[in-house]
């Protein structure tokens, strides 16, 4: 992975980049374990709030899952 941008929406009071996850990905060989760990890092960086649509804990979990899925899709579609 030469470079990466991980942008989170609805995971903090405003849109934010998960710079720790981005830094973690740079220069590494892509595999599913790497993407899962990047998702975990993005989740740890997120700052979701509780709302009627879901708890902060639920949203943080979604950040991890959806980050991994989005990275895999970008790779599979040749965007990386």
Protein backbone atom coordinates (compact mmCIF):
# COMPACT_ATOMS: atom_id res chain seq x y z
CA UNK A 1 0.00 0.00 0.00
CA UNK A 2 1.71 3.16 -1.17
CA UNK A 3 -0.79 5.57 0.34
CA UNK A 4 -4.24 5.54 1.89
CA UNK A 5 -6.95 7.89 3.05
CA UNK A 6 -9.56 6.75 5.55
CA UNK A 7 -12.35 9.27 6.03
CA UNK A 8 -15.09 8.70 8.60
CA UNK A 9 -18.55 10.26 8.48
CA UNK A 10 -21.13 9.83 11.25
CA UNK A 11 -18.34 8.54 13.48
CA UNK A 12 -17.56 11.81 15.23
CA UNK A 13 -19.23 15.20 15.68
CA UNK A 14 -17.81 16.15 12.26
CA UNK A 15 -16.29 14.28 9.33
CA UNK A 16 -12.77 13.18 10.23
CA UNK A 17 -9.79 11.30 8.84
CA UNK A 18 -8.46 8.24 10.64
CA UNK A 19 -4.82 9.27 10.29
CA UNK A 20 -3.52 6.49 12.51
CA UNK A 21 -5.17 3.90 10.27
CA UNK A 22 -3.76 5.66 7.21
CA UNK A 23 -0.25 5.67 8.67
CA UNK A 24 -0.59 2.02 9.65
CA UNK A 25 -1.45 0.99 6.07
CA UNK A 26 1.36 2.82 4.29
CA UNK A 27 4.18 0.66 2.99
CA UNK A 28 2.61 -2.65 3.96
CA UNK A 29 1.65 -5.66 1.86
CA UNK A 30 -2.12 -5.91 1.52
CA UNK A 31 -3.91 -8.87 3.10
CA UNK A 32 -7.14 -9.41 5.00
CA UNK A 33 -5.42 -9.29 8.41
CA UNK A 34 -3.91 -5.90 7.54
CA UNK A 35 -7.31 -4.54 6.50
CA UNK A 36 -8.94 -5.88 9.67
CA UNK A 37 -6.31 -4.21 11.83
CA UNK A 38 -6.72 -0.95 9.90
CA UNK A 39 -10.45 -1.17 10.62
CA UNK A 40 -9.73 -1.65 14.33
CA UNK A 41 -7.42 1.36 14.32
CA UNK A 42 -10.04 3.50 12.57
CA UNK A 43 -12.64 2.36 15.12
CA UNK A 44 -10.33 3.30 17.98
CA UNK A 45 -9.85 6.76 16.49
CA UNK A 46 -13.55 7.37 15.93
CA UNK A 47 -15.53 9.48 18.36
CA UNK A 48 -19.15 8.44 17.83
CA UNK A 49 -21.97 9.62 20.06
CA UNK A 50 -24.98 7.78 21.34
CA UNK A 51 -28.17 8.63 19.47
CA UNK A 52 -31.60 7.21 18.83
CA UNK A 53 -30.10 5.53 15.75
CA UNK A 54 -27.48 3.57 17.69
CA UNK A 55 -25.14 3.56 20.64
CA UNK A 56 -21.59 4.85 20.43
CA UNK A 57 -20.35 1.30 20.97
CA UNK A 58 -22.44 0.00 18.05
CA UNK A 59 -21.25 2.82 15.79
CA UNK A 60 -17.61 2.25 16.75
CA UNK A 61 -17.97 -1.43 15.85
CA UNK A 62 -19.48 -0.44 12.49
CA UNK A 63 -16.53 1.85 11.78
CA UNK A 64 -14.20 -1.13 12.04
CA UNK A 65 -16.32 -3.43 9.89
CA UNK A 66 -17.14 -0.84 7.24
CA UNK A 67 -13.57 0.45 7.02
CA UNK A 68 -12.32 -3.06 6.26
CA UNK A 69 -15.07 -3.57 3.66
CA UNK A 70 -14.43 -0.21 1.98
CA UNK A 71 -10.69 -0.85 1.78
CA UNK A 72 -11.26 -4.32 0.30
CA UNK A 73 -13.70 -2.88 -2.27
CA UNK A 74 -11.29 -0.12 -3.25
CA UNK A 75 -8.54 -2.68 -3.73
CA UNK A 76 -10.76 -5.09 -5.68
CA UNK A 77 -11.92 -2.27 -7.98
CA UNK A 78 -8.37 -1.14 -8.65
CA UNK A 79 -8.52 2.18 -6.80
CA UNK A 80 -5.44 1.34 -4.77
